[in-house]
Amino acid sequence: MRILLTILFLLCSFLSEAQTRLTIVELNTENLFDTRHDTLKNDYEFLPDSPRHWTRTKYWQKLNRIGQTIIACGEDSSGWTLPDIVGLCEVENDSVLFDLTRRSLLRKARYEYVMTASNDTRGIDVALLYSPFSFRLIKADTIRVIPMKEMRPTRDILHVEGEIESGDTLHVFLLHAPSRMGGELYSRPFRMHVMERLCSAIDSLRSAYTDPKLLVMGDFNDYADSPSLQRAYEHGLINISAGVHGRNGAKGTYRYHGEWGSLDQILLSGNLRSWVTDCRINDALFLLEEDTKYGGVKPRRNYNGMRFNNGFSDHLPLVLRLQH
């Protein structure tokens, strides 16, 4: 009996000290399109008979490249674990997500997914992959972004609510803000419009829940000190990804004309700040290539102009690790 009680005591002690660990990834996939035309969308650029010659072979290479990228994000100094939550930008539709999670290198990861169905003219959306073993989906909904004057239809915001192993509820928001086409000043109001929609949704959430745990991530098409991000900070969000670097030379998630910058961001509510153990850019060597024009390295993107580069993405992924 004494031995049994000792075993039970040790087991209870172990369980009480057990911690919830989450690995979260954000990645702009750079045009993850299938090869079929959607009659309601302007996806002609990524069809077999387009100038890009977007064939089934290239499509499946791309899927496996994205799968390889996600898998690599699970590696750190203490070993490897499959990422628990993955936010993806620039994915075309449900069939692409099905192929990615069921038929690519990720097929044994057993990811589930949810995504938006926006009015974006090119047909690109955002999607969240999650492991049902560490994130139990409670609900998912789309926050519609109605375009303002002179603004083209854009991606909606995805909101996903789920329970993690500790029993805490995590609210994840995923967005892909309008690009800087036309110039930063011209397009700034469009990104501010999306941010105001996000902040309104967060306000509603805070009125319905007591001190909800919030995680906001995506391609903001803005930098950490941009006005749209400043608005997020005014709403109590902390940019945990501001200023993070990679381990192999990346000083941002994106490189343009030789200059590194981070258009991708991960923001947290204050009640998650103490959970953070690490946030970094995954610049694994296979995701990089030599920048022959400006020196150093750059993301090994899928296309250089119209030339197929058989790469991964023009963005590098952000990796966040939480422990509680």
C-alpha atoms as a PDB file:
ATOM      1  CA  MET A   1       0.000   0.000   0.000  1.00  0.00           C
ATOM      2  CA  ARG A   2       2.816   2.397   0.907  1.00  0.00           C
ATOM      3  CA  ILE A   3       4.493   1.764  -2.474  1.00  0.00           C
ATOM      4  CA  LEU A   4       1.191   2.403  -4.281  1.00  0.00           C
ATOM      5  CA  LEU A   5       0.670   5.673  -2.413  1.00  0.00           C
ATOM      6  CA  THR A   6       4.215   6.731  -3.276  1.00  0.00           C
ATOM      7  CA  ILE A   7       3.620   6.015  -6.964  1.00  0.00           C
ATOM      8  CA  LEU A   8       0.354   7.971  -6.916  1.00  0.00           C
ATOM      9  CA  PHE A   9       2.049  10.899  -5.193  1.00  0.00           C
ATOM     10  CA  LEU A  10       4.848  10.985  -7.752  1.00  0.00           C
ATOM     11  CA  LEU A  11       2.339  10.741 -10.604  1.00  0.00           C
ATOM     12  CA  CYS A  12       0.267  13.609  -9.226  1.00  0.00           C
ATOM     13  CA  SER A  13       3.409  15.674  -8.742  1.00  0.00           C
ATOM     14  CA  PHE A  14       4.408  15.041 -12.334  1.00  0.00           C
ATOM     15  CA  LEU A  15       0.988  16.000 -13.646  1.00  0.00           C
ATOM     16  CA  SER A  16       0.902  19.176 -11.587  1.00  0.00           C
ATOM     17  CA  GLU A  17       4.260  20.196 -13.036  1.00  0.00           C
ATOM     18  CA  ALA A  18       3.330  19.240 -16.596  1.00  0.00           C
ATOM     19  CA  GLN A  19       3.316  22.271 -18.845  1.00  0.00           C
ATOM     20  CA  THR A  20       1.424  23.170 -21.967  1.00  0.00           C
ATOM     21  CA  ARG A  21       3.740  23.872 -24.870  1.00  0.00           C
ATOM     22  CA  LEU A  22       2.600  25.325 -28.187  1.00  0.00           C
ATOM     23  CA  THR A  23       4.514  25.975 -31.381  1.00  0.00           C
ATOM     24  CA  ILE A  24       2.798  28.521 -33.612  1.00  0.00           C
ATOM     25  CA  VAL A  25       3.831  29.391 -37.173  1.00  0.00           C
ATOM     26  CA  GLU A  26       2.846  32.246 -39.481  1.00  0.00           C
ATOM     27  CA  LEU A  27       3.704  32.020 -43.177  1.00  0.00           C
ATOM     28  CA  ASN A  28       2.800  33.809 -46.393  1.00  0.00           C
ATOM     29  CA  THR A  29       2.978  30.961 -48.898  1.00  0.00           C
ATOM     30  CA  GLU A  30       3.457  33.125 -52.027  1.00  0.00           C
ATOM     31  CA  ASN A  31       0.577  32.268 -54.319  1.00  0.00           C
ATOM     32  CA  LEU A  32      -0.511  28.777 -53.324  1.00  0.00           C
ATOM     33  CA  PHE A  33      -2.891  28.294 -56.259  1.00  0.00           C
ATOM     34  CA  ASP A  34      -4.228  25.125 -57.828  1.00  0.00           C
ATOM     35  CA  THR A  35      -4.190  24.721 -61.619  1.00  0.00           C
ATOM     36  CA  ARG A  36      -7.939  25.053 -62.230  1.00  0.00           C
ATOM     37  CA  HIS A  37      -9.721  28.260 -63.187  1.00  0.00           C
ATOM     38  CA  ASP A  38     -12.292  29.677 -60.793  1.00  0.00           C
ATOM     39  CA  THR A  39     -14.804  31.471 -63.006  1.00  0.00           C
ATOM     40  CA  LEU A  40     -15.459  34.058 -60.294  1.00  0.00           C
ATOM     41  CA  LYS A  41     -11.799  34.972 -59.700  1.00  0.00           C
ATOM     42  CA  ASN A  42      -8.869  36.487 -61.565  1.00  0.00           C
ATOM     43  CA  ASP A  43      -6.574  33.483 -61.241  1.00  0.00           C
ATOM     44  CA  TYR A  44      -5.462  33.368 -64.885  1.00  0.00           C
ATOM     45  CA  GLU A  45      -1.840  33.937 -63.877  1.00  0.00           C
ATOM     46  CA  PHE A  46      -1.684  30.475 -62.314  1.00  0.00           C
ATOM     47  CA  LEU A  47      -3.055  28.170 -64.982  1.00  0.00           C
ATOM     48  CA  PRO A  48      -1.239  25.656 -67.212  1.00  0.00           C
ATOM     49  CA  ASP A  49      -1.636  27.840 -70.322  1.00  0.00           C
ATOM     50  CA  SER A  50      -0.572  31.066 -68.587  1.00  0.00           C
ATOM     51  CA  PRO A  51       2.859  32.691 -69.115  1.00  0.00           C
ATOM     52  CA  ARG A  52       3.890  31.091 -65.815  1.00  0.00           C
ATOM     53  CA  HIS A  53       2.924  27.621 -67.126  1.00  0.00           C
ATOM     54  CA  TRP A  54       1.550  26.674 -63.710  1.00  0.00           C
ATOM     55  CA  THR A  55       1.306  22.909 -64.203  1.00  0.00           C
ATOM     56  CA  ARG A  56       0.266  20.081 -61.904  1.00  0.00           C
ATOM     57  CA  THR A  57       3.921  19.146 -61.484  1.00  0.00           C
ATOM     58  CA  LYS A  58       4.808  22.637 -60.254  1.00  0.00           C
ATOM     59  CA  TYR A  59       1.718  22.692 -58.052  1.00  0.00           C
ATOM     60  CA  TRP A  60       2.663  19.478 -56.254  1.00  0.00           C
ATOM     61  CA  GLN A  61       6.258  20.625 -55.905  1.00  0.00           C
ATOM     62  CA  LYS A  62       4.937  23.789 -54.306  1.00  0.00           C
ATOM     63  CA  LEU A  63       2.691  21.886 -51.885  1.00  0.00           C
ATOM     64  CA  ASN A  64       5.572  19.748 -50.714  1.00  0.00           C
ATOM     65  CA  ARG A  65       7.799  22.803 -50.401  1.00  0.00           C
ATOM     66  CA  ILE A  66       5.255  24.408 -48.072  1.00  0.00           C
ATOM     67  CA  GLY A  67       4.937  21.152 -46.147  1.00  0.00           C
ATOM     68  CA  GLN A  68       8.724  20.976 -45.790  1.00  0.00           C
ATOM     69  CA  THR A  69       8.781  24.560 -44.510  1.00  0.00           C
ATOM     70  CA  ILE A  70       6.133  23.866 -41.859  1.00  0.00           C
ATOM     71  CA  ILE A  71       7.831  20.689 -40.674  1.00  0.00           C
ATOM     72  CA  ALA A  72      11.169  22.515 -40.336  1.00  0.00           C
ATOM     73  CA  CYS A  73       9.533  25.114 -38.086  1.00  0.00           C
ATOM     74  CA  GLY A  74       9.158  22.457 -35.389  1.00  0.00           C
ATOM     75  CA  GLU A  75      12.902  22.205 -34.811  1.00  0.00           C
ATOM     76  CA  ASP A  76      14.704  24.031 -32.014  1.00  0.00           C
ATOM     77  CA  SER A  77      17.663  23.523 -29.694  1.00  0.00           C
ATOM     78  CA  SER A  78      15.754  21.044 -27.531  1.00  0.00           C
ATOM     79  CA  GLY A  79      14.610  18.818 -30.395  1.00  0.00           C
ATOM     80  CA  TRP A  80      11.655  18.729 -32.768  1.00  0.00           C
ATOM     81  CA  THR A  81       7.898  18.821 -32.370  1.00  0.00           C
ATOM     82  CA  LEU A  82       5.266  19.273 -35.045  1.00  0.00           C
ATOM     83  CA  PRO A  83       3.884  22.845 -34.998  1.00  0.00           C
ATOM     84  CA  ASP A  84       0.504  22.976 -33.269  1.00  0.00           C
ATOM     85  CA  ILE A  85      -1.019  25.959 -35.085  1.00  0.00           C
ATOM     86  CA  VAL A  86      -0.055  27.291 -38.519  1.00  0.00           C
ATOM     87  CA  GLY A  87      -1.455  30.484 -40.016  1.00  0.00           C
ATOM     88  CA  LEU A  88      -1.178  30.626 -43.814  1.00  0.00           C
ATOM     89  CA  CYS A  89      -1.662  33.600 -46.138  1.00  0.00           C
ATOM     90  CA  GLU A  90      -2.152  33.491 -49.931  1.00  0.00           C
ATOM     91  CA  VAL A  91      -3.959  30.165 -50.268  1.00  0.00           C
ATOM     92  CA  GLU A  92      -6.571  29.865 -52.980  1.00  0.00           C
ATOM     93  CA  ASN A  93      -9.298  27.505 -51.806  1.00  0.00           C
ATOM     94  CA  ASP A  94     -10.399  24.453 -49.876  1.00  0.00           C
ATOM     95  CA  SER A  95      -9.067  21.981 -52.453  1.00  0.00           C
ATOM     96  CA  VAL A  96      -5.549  23.382 -52.005  1.00  0.00           C
ATOM     97  CA  LEU A  97      -5.836  22.961 -48.238  1.00  0.00           C
ATOM     98  CA  PHE A  98      -7.130  19.413 -48.676  1.00  0.00           C
ATOM     99  CA  ASP A  99      -4.166  18.532 -50.887  1.00  0.00           C
ATOM    100  CA  LEU A 100      -1.747  20.163 -48.473  1.00  0.00           C
ATOM    101  CA  THR A 101      -3.040  18.400 -45.361  1.00  0.00           C
ATOM    102  CA  ARG A 102      -4.065  15.045 -46.873  1.00  0.00           C
ATOM    103  CA  ARG A 103      -1.828  14.399 -49.862  1.00  0.00           C
ATOM    104  CA  SER A 104       1.459  16.277 -49.421  1.00  0.00           C
ATOM    105  CA  LEU A 105       4.405  15.735 -47.069  1.00  0.00           C
ATOM    106  CA  LEU A 106       2.042  16.830 -44.267  1.00  0.00           C
ATOM    107  CA  ARG A 107      -0.411  13.972 -44.801  1.00  0.00           C
ATOM    108  CA  LYS A 108       0.730  12.078 -41.683  1.00  0.00           C
ATOM    109  CA  ALA A 109       0.621  15.175 -39.488  1.00  0.00           C
ATOM    110  CA  ARG A 110      -3.184  14.852 -39.294  1.00  0.00           C
ATOM    111  CA  TYR A 111      -3.765  18.582 -39.401  1.00  0.00           C
ATOM    112  CA  GLU A 112      -7.298  19.920 -39.556  1.00  0.00           C
ATOM    113  CA  TYR A 113      -7.968  23.322 -41.088  1.00  0.00           C
ATOM    114  CA  VAL A 114     -10.388  26.214 -41.387  1.00  0.00           C
ATOM    115  CA  MET A 115     -10.232  29.073 -43.879  1.00  0.00           C
ATOM    116  CA  THR A 116     -12.031  32.135 -45.157  1.00  0.00           C
ATOM    117  CA  ALA A 117     -13.958  32.507 -48.413  1.00  0.00           C
ATOM    118  CA  SER A 118     -13.346  36.161 -49.167  1.00  0.00           C
ATOM    119  CA  ASN A 119     -14.242  38.417 -52.075  1.00  0.00           C
ATOM    120  CA  ASP A 120     -10.598  39.049 -52.929  1.00  0.00           C
ATOM    121  CA  THR A 121     -10.433  39.544 -56.696  1.00  0.00           C
ATOM    122  CA  ARG A 122      -7.516  37.135 -57.150  1.00  0.00           C
ATOM    123  CA  GLY A 123      -9.196  34.519 -54.995  1.00  0.00           C
ATOM    124  CA  ILE A 124      -6.600  34.296 -52.235  1.00  0.00           C
ATOM    125  CA  ASP A 125      -7.561  33.713 -48.617  1.00  0.00           C
ATOM    126  CA  VAL A 126      -6.123  32.907 -45.210  1.00  0.00           C
ATOM    127  CA  ALA A 127      -6.230  29.501 -43.553  1.00  0.00           C
ATOM    128  CA  LEU A 128      -5.395  28.034 -40.165  1.00  0.00           C
ATOM    129  CA  LEU A 129      -3.978  24.537 -39.758  1.00  0.00           C
ATOM    130  CA  TYR A 130      -4.210  23.056 -36.293  1.00  0.00           C
ATOM    131  CA  SER A 131      -3.386  19.803 -34.574  1.00  0.00           C
ATOM    132  CA  PRO A 132      -6.567  18.417 -32.951  1.00  0.00           C
ATOM    133  CA  PHE A 133      -4.320  16.741 -30.366  1.00  0.00           C
ATOM    134  CA  SER A 134      -3.201  20.061 -28.881  1.00  0.00           C
ATOM    135  CA  PHE A 135      -5.871  22.530 -30.006  1.00  0.00           C
ATOM    136  CA  ARG A 136      -9.532  21.569 -29.686  1.00  0.00           C
ATOM    137  CA  LEU A 137     -11.593  23.678 -32.044  1.00  0.00           C
ATOM    138  CA  ILE A 138     -14.563  25.344 -30.360  1.00  0.00           C
ATOM    139  CA  LYS A 139     -15.673  27.551 -33.220  1.00  0.00           C
ATOM    140  CA  ALA A 140     -14.443  29.477 -36.240  1.00  0.00           C
ATOM    141  CA  ASP A 141     -15.968  32.487 -37.888  1.00  0.00           C
ATOM    142  CA  THR A 142     -15.156  35.010 -40.585  1.00  0.00           C
ATOM    143  CA  ILE A 143     -14.956  38.718 -39.873  1.00  0.00           C
ATOM    144  CA  ARG A 144     -16.112  40.313 -43.112  1.00  0.00           C
ATOM    145  CA  VAL A 145     -14.150  43.309 -44.361  1.00  0.00           C
ATOM    146  CA  ILE A 146     -16.395  45.583 -46.427  1.00  0.00           C
ATOM    147  CA  PRO A 147     -14.236  47.680 -48.791  1.00  0.00           C
ATOM    148  CA  MET A 148     -14.137  51.412 -48.259  1.00  0.00           C
ATOM    149  CA  LYS A 149     -14.168  53.922 -51.122  1.00  0.00           C
ATOM    150  CA  GLU A 150     -11.526  53.210 -53.809  1.00  0.00           C
ATOM    151  CA  MET A 151     -10.541  49.983 -52.021  1.00  0.00           C
ATOM    152  CA  ARG A 152     -10.593  46.692 -53.885  1.00  0.00           C
ATOM    153  CA  PRO A 153     -12.224  43.666 -52.221  1.00  0.00           C
ATOM    154  CA  THR A 154      -9.706  42.163 -49.832  1.00  0.00           C
ATOM    155  CA  ARG A 155      -9.191  39.171 -47.573  1.00  0.00           C
ATOM    156  CA  ASP A 156     -11.517  38.718 -44.614  1.00  0.00           C
ATOM    157  CA  ILE A 157     -10.190  38.116 -41.110  1.00  0.00           C
ATOM    158  CA  LEU A 158     -10.361  34.600 -39.695  1.00  0.00           C
ATOM    159  CA  HIS A 159     -11.217  34.158 -36.007  1.00  0.00           C
ATOM    160  CA  VAL A 160     -10.717  30.736 -34.429  1.00  0.00           C
ATOM    161  CA  GLU A 161     -11.503  29.849 -30.829  1.00  0.00           C
ATOM    162  CA  GLY A 162      -9.993  26.716 -29.335  1.00  0.00           C
ATOM    163  CA  GLU A 163      -9.044  24.994 -26.114  1.00  0.00           C
ATOM    164  CA  ILE A 164      -5.416  24.090 -25.454  1.00  0.00           C
ATOM    165  CA  GLU A 165      -4.087  21.312 -23.215  1.00  0.00           C
ATOM    166  CA  SER A 166      -3.987  23.478 -20.098  1.00  0.00           C
ATOM    167  CA  GLY A 167      -7.737  24.028 -20.405  1.00  0.00           C
ATOM    168  CA  ASP A 168      -7.277  27.684 -21.380  1.00  0.00           C
ATOM    169  CA  THR A 169      -9.200  29.109 -24.311  1.00  0.00           C
ATOM    170  CA  LEU A 170      -7.133  30.749 -27.042  1.00  0.00           C
ATOM    171  CA  HIS A 171      -8.600  33.182 -29.588  1.00  0.00           C
ATOM    172  CA  VAL A 172      -6.587  33.282 -32.805  1.00  0.00           C
ATOM    173  CA  PHE A 173      -7.047  35.995 -35.433  1.00  0.00           C
ATOM    174  CA  LEU A 174      -5.436  35.618 -38.844  1.00  0.00           C
ATOM    175  CA  LEU A 175      -5.341  38.389 -41.424  1.00  0.00           C
ATOM    176  CA  HIS A 176      -3.742  39.412 -44.696  1.00  0.00           C
ATOM    177  CA  ALA A 177      -4.017  43.182 -45.023  1.00  0.00           C
ATOM    178  CA  PRO A 178      -4.156  45.009 -48.385  1.00  0.00           C
ATOM    179  CA  SER A 179      -0.878  45.434 -50.224  1.00  0.00           C
ATOM    180  CA  ARG A 180       1.054  48.662 -50.737  1.00  0.00           C
ATOM    181  CA  MET A 181       0.093  48.849 -54.397  1.00  0.00           C
ATOM    182  CA  GLY A 182      -0.154  52.483 -55.431  1.00  0.00           C
ATOM    183  CA  GLY A 183       2.273  53.548 -52.718  1.00  0.00           C
ATOM    184  CA  GLU A 184       2.332  53.364 -48.940  1.00  0.00           C
ATOM    185  CA  LEU A 185       0.484  56.647 -48.367  1.00  0.00           C
ATOM    186  CA  TYR A 186      -2.236  55.891 -50.914  1.00  0.00           C
ATOM    187  CA  SER A 187      -2.849  52.380 -49.568  1.00  0.00           C
ATOM    188  CA  ARG A 188      -2.426  53.163 -45.855  1.00  0.00           C
ATOM    189  CA  PRO A 189      -6.144  53.920 -45.264  1.00  0.00           C
ATOM    190  CA  PHE A 190      -7.021  50.458 -46.569  1.00  0.00           C
ATOM    191  CA  ARG A 191      -4.799  48.726 -44.040  1.00  0.00           C
ATOM    192  CA  MET A 192      -6.077  51.021 -41.304  1.00  0.00           C
ATOM    193  CA  HIS A 193      -9.607  50.024 -42.328  1.00  0.00           C
ATOM    194  CA  VAL A 194      -8.775  46.344 -41.836  1.00  0.00           C
ATOM    195  CA  MET A 195      -7.125  47.096 -38.490  1.00  0.00           C
ATOM    196  CA  GLU A 196     -10.194  49.001 -37.285  1.00  0.00           C
ATOM    197  CA  ARG A 197     -12.309  45.985 -38.198  1.00  0.00           C
ATOM    198  CA  LEU A 198      -9.972  43.770 -36.193  1.00  0.00           C
ATOM    199  CA  CYS A 199      -9.979  46.106 -33.188  1.00  0.00           C
ATOM    200  CA  SER A 200     -13.772  46.236 -33.257  1.00  0.00           C
ATOM    201  CA  ALA A 201     -13.913  42.433 -33.185  1.00  0.00           C
ATOM    202  CA  ILE A 202     -11.467  42.365 -30.267  1.00  0.00           C
ATOM    203  CA  ASP A 203     -13.582  44.901 -28.376  1.00  0.00           C
ATOM    204  CA  SER A 204     -16.643  42.705 -28.868  1.00  0.00           C
ATOM    205  CA  LEU A 205     -14.722  39.682 -27.657  1.00  0.00           C
ATOM    206  CA  ARG A 206     -13.543  41.474 -24.542  1.00  0.00           C
ATOM    207  CA  SER A 207     -17.103  42.504 -23.732  1.00  0.00           C
ATOM    208  CA  ALA A 208     -18.232  38.871 -23.942  1.00  0.00           C
ATOM    209  CA  TYR A 209     -15.260  37.191 -22.186  1.00  0.00           C
ATOM    210  CA  THR A 210     -13.268  38.087 -19.098  1.00  0.00           C
ATOM    211  CA  ASP A 211      -9.659  38.853 -20.070  1.00  0.00           C
ATOM    212  CA  PRO A 212      -9.574  36.638 -23.202  1.00  0.00           C
ATOM    213  CA  LYS A 213      -6.241  35.283 -24.426  1.00  0.00           C
ATOM    214  CA  LEU A 214      -5.632  36.719 -27.890  1.00  0.00           C
ATOM    215  CA  LEU A 215      -3.164  35.855 -30.614  1.00  0.00           C
ATOM    216  CA  VAL A 216      -3.181  37.919 -33.829  1.00  0.00           C
ATOM    217  CA  MET A 217      -0.929  37.031 -36.745  1.00  0.00           C
ATOM    218  CA  GLY A 218      -0.575  37.367 -40.473  1.00  0.00           C
ATOM    219  CA  ASP A 219       0.842  39.439 -43.284  1.00  0.00           C
ATOM    220  CA  PHE A 220       0.011  43.018 -42.269  1.00  0.00           C
ATOM    221  CA  ASN A 221       1.817  44.529 -45.285  1.00  0.00           C
ATOM    222  CA  ASP A 222       3.088  46.979 -42.681  1.00  0.00           C
ATOM    223  CA  TYR A 223       6.069  47.199 -40.378  1.00  0.00           C
ATOM    224  CA  ALA A 224       6.125  47.118 -36.585  1.00  0.00           C
ATOM    225  CA  ASP A 225       6.193  50.916 -36.358  1.00  0.00           C
ATOM    226  CA  SER A 226       3.512  51.553 -39.001  1.00  0.00           C
ATOM    227  CA  PRO A 227       0.294  53.419 -38.103  1.00  0.00           C
ATOM    228  CA  SER A 228      -1.874  50.301 -38.424  1.00  0.00           C
ATOM    229  CA  LEU A 229       0.284  48.436 -35.916  1.00  0.00           C
ATOM    230  CA  GLN A 230       0.286  51.437 -33.594  1.00  0.00           C
ATOM    231  CA  ARG A 231      -3.500  51.178 -33.570  1.00  0.00           C
ATOM    232  CA  ALA A 232      -3.214  47.544 -32.482  1.00  0.00           C
ATOM    233  CA  TYR A 233      -0.888  48.507 -29.646  1.00  0.00           C
ATOM    234  CA  GLU A 234      -3.461  51.041 -28.449  1.00  0.00           C
ATOM    235  CA  HIS A 235      -5.819  48.084 -28.084  1.00  0.00           C
ATOM    236  CA  GLY A 236      -3.464  46.342 -25.674  1.00  0.00           C
ATOM    237  CA  LEU A 237      -1.743  44.026 -28.136  1.00  0.00           C
ATOM    238  CA  ILE A 238       1.992  43.357 -27.850  1.00  0.00           C
ATOM    239  CA  ASN A 239       4.066  42.772 -30.975  1.00  0.00           C
ATOM    240  CA  ILE A 240       6.142  39.826 -29.847  1.00  0.00           C
ATOM    241  CA  SER A 241       7.758  39.456 -33.300  1.00  0.00           C
ATOM    242  CA  ALA A 242       9.088  43.019 -33.568  1.00  0.00           C
ATOM    243  CA  GLY A 243      12.813  42.997 -34.252  1.00  0.00           C
ATOM    244  CA  VAL A 244      13.285  39.225 -34.320  1.00  0.00           C
ATOM    245  CA  HIS A 245      15.962  37.759 -36.591  1.00  0.00           C
ATOM    246  CA  GLY A 246      16.836  34.405 -38.017  1.00  0.00           C
ATOM    247  CA  ARG A 247      19.936  32.335 -37.328  1.00  0.00           C
ATOM    248  CA  ASN A 248      21.387  32.355 -40.834  1.00  0.00           C
ATOM    249  CA  GLY A 249      21.358  36.001 -41.820  1.00  0.00           C
ATOM    250  CA  ALA A 250      17.684  36.923 -42.129  1.00  0.00           C
ATOM    251  CA  LYS A 251      16.897  40.264 -40.494  1.00  0.00           C
ATOM    252  CA  GLY A 252      13.259  40.173 -41.520  1.00  0.00           C
ATOM    253  CA  THR A 253      10.682  37.904 -43.120  1.00  0.00           C
ATOM    254  CA  TYR A 254      10.934  39.617 -46.527  1.00  0.00           C
ATOM    255  CA  ARG A 255      13.693  41.191 -48.605  1.00  0.00           C
ATOM    256  CA  TYR A 256      13.117  43.863 -51.242  1.00  0.00           C
ATOM    257  CA  HIS A 257      15.935  45.483 -53.232  1.00  0.00           C
ATOM    258  CA  GLY A 258      18.466  44.187 -50.741  1.00  0.00           C
ATOM    259  CA  GLU A 259      16.656  45.551 -47.673  1.00  0.00           C
ATOM    260  CA  TRP A 260      15.242  43.237 -45.019  1.00  0.00           C
ATOM    261  CA  GLY A 261      11.894  44.038 -43.454  1.00  0.00           C
ATOM    262  CA  SER A 262       9.090  42.224 -41.647  1.00  0.00           C
ATOM    263  CA  LEU A 263       5.618  42.602 -43.077  1.00  0.00           C
ATOM    264  CA  ASP A 264       4.580  39.509 -41.111  1.00  0.00           C
ATOM    265  CA  GLN A 265       3.732  40.008 -37.441  1.00  0.00           C
ATOM    266  CA  ILE A 266       2.594  38.062 -34.378  1.00  0.00           C
ATOM    267  CA  LEU A 267       0.757  40.016 -31.667  1.00  0.00           C
ATOM    268  CA  LEU A 268      -0.422  38.832 -28.256  1.00  0.00           C
ATOM    269  CA  SER A 269      -2.647  40.094 -25.483  1.00  0.00           C
ATOM    270  CA  GLY A 270      -0.781  41.007 -22.291  1.00  0.00           C
ATOM    271  CA  ASN A 271      -1.966  37.917 -20.434  1.00  0.00           C
ATOM    272  CA  LEU A 272       0.095  35.734 -22.808  1.00  0.00           C
ATOM    273  CA  ARG A 273       3.335  37.677 -22.522  1.00  0.00           C
ATOM    274  CA  SER A 274       4.711  35.512 -19.708  1.00  0.00           C
ATOM    275  CA  TRP A 275       4.022  32.376 -21.769  1.00  0.00           C
ATOM    276  CA  VAL A 276       6.521  33.315 -24.494  1.00  0.00           C
ATOM    277  CA  THR A 277       9.739  31.302 -24.511  1.00  0.00           C
ATOM    278  CA  ASP A 278      10.942  32.154 -28.009  1.00  0.00           C
ATOM    279  CA  CYS A 279       9.991  34.018 -31.172  1.00  0.00           C
ATOM    280  CA  ARG A 280      12.185  33.938 -34.243  1.00  0.00           C
ATOM    281  CA  ILE A 281      12.317  33.860 -38.009  1.00  0.00           C
ATOM    282  CA  ASN A 282      12.926  30.418 -39.456  1.00  0.00           C
ATOM    283  CA  ASP A 283      15.667  31.035 -42.007  1.00  0.00           C
ATOM    284  CA  ALA A 284      16.809  27.454 -42.412  1.00  0.00           C
ATOM    285  CA  LEU A 285      19.492  27.292 -45.069  1.00  0.00           C
ATOM    286  CA  PHE A 286      17.280  25.460 -47.553  1.00  0.00           C
ATOM    287  CA  LEU A 287      14.795  28.383 -47.439  1.00  0.00           C
ATOM    288  CA  LEU A 288      17.488  30.833 -48.564  1.00  0.00           C
ATOM    289  CA  GLU A 289      19.509  31.536 -51.671  1.00  0.00           C
ATOM    290  CA  GLU A 290      22.341  33.879 -52.531  1.00  0.00           C
ATOM    291  CA  ASP A 291      21.349  37.436 -53.383  1.00  0.00           C
ATOM    292  CA  THR A 292      23.651  37.907 -56.362  1.00  0.00           C
ATOM    293  CA  LYS A 293      22.619  41.530 -56.928  1.00  0.00           C
ATOM    294  CA  TYR A 294      22.737  43.004 -53.421  1.00  0.00           C
ATOM    295  CA  GLY A 295      24.861  40.486 -51.559  1.00  0.00           C
ATOM    296  CA  GLY A 296      24.028  38.246 -48.643  1.00  0.00           C
ATOM    297  CA  VAL A 297      21.026  35.954 -48.775  1.00  0.00           C
ATOM    298  CA  LYS A 298      17.325  36.254 -49.538  1.00  0.00           C
ATOM    299  CA  PRO A 299      14.272  33.969 -49.328  1.00  0.00           C
ATOM    300  CA  ARG A 300      14.275  31.318 -52.027  1.00  0.00           C
ATOM    301  CA  ARG A 301      11.009  32.281 -53.626  1.00  0.00           C
ATOM    302  CA  ASN A 302       8.917  30.238 -56.035  1.00  0.00           C
ATOM    303  CA  TYR A 303       9.231  32.643 -58.977  1.00  0.00           C
ATOM    304  CA  ASN A 304      11.811  35.291 -59.845  1.00  0.00           C
ATOM    305  CA  GLY A 305       9.695  37.475 -62.074  1.00  0.00           C
ATOM    306  CA  MET A 306       8.205  35.037 -64.551  1.00  0.00           C
ATOM    307  CA  ARG A 307      11.018  32.505 -64.179  1.00  0.00           C
ATOM    308  CA  PHE A 308      10.166  29.421 -62.161  1.00  0.00           C
ATOM    309  CA  ASN A 309      12.657  29.125 -59.315  1.00  0.00           C
ATOM    310  CA  ASN A 310      11.304  25.922 -57.724  1.00  0.00           C
ATOM    311  CA  GLY A 311      11.585  27.623 -54.358  1.00  0.00           C
ATOM    312  CA  PHE A 312       9.469  27.943 -51.254  1.00  0.00           C
ATOM    313  CA  SER A 313       8.124  31.462 -50.697  1.00  0.00           C
ATOM    314  CA  ASP A 314       9.186  35.086 -50.914  1.00  0.00           C
ATOM    315  CA  HIS A 315       8.405  35.290 -47.182  1.00  0.00           C
ATOM    316  CA  LEU A 316      10.129  33.445 -44.355  1.00  0.00           C
ATOM    317  CA  PRO A 317       7.986  31.973 -41.561  1.00  0.00           C
ATOM    318  CA  LEU A 318       7.673  33.352 -38.048  1.00  0.00           C
ATOM    319  CA  VAL A 319       7.849  30.785 -35.254  1.00  0.00           C
ATOM    320  CA  LEU A 320       6.461  31.437 -31.765  1.00  0.00           C
ATOM    321  CA  ARG A 321       6.822  29.099 -28.797  1.00  0.00           C
ATOM    322  CA  LEU A 322       4.548  29.353 -25.792  1.00  0.00           C
ATOM    323  CA  GLN A 323       4.811  27.459 -22.522  1.00  0.00           C
ATOM    324  CA  HIS A 324       2.495  27.544 -19.522  1.00  0.00           C
END
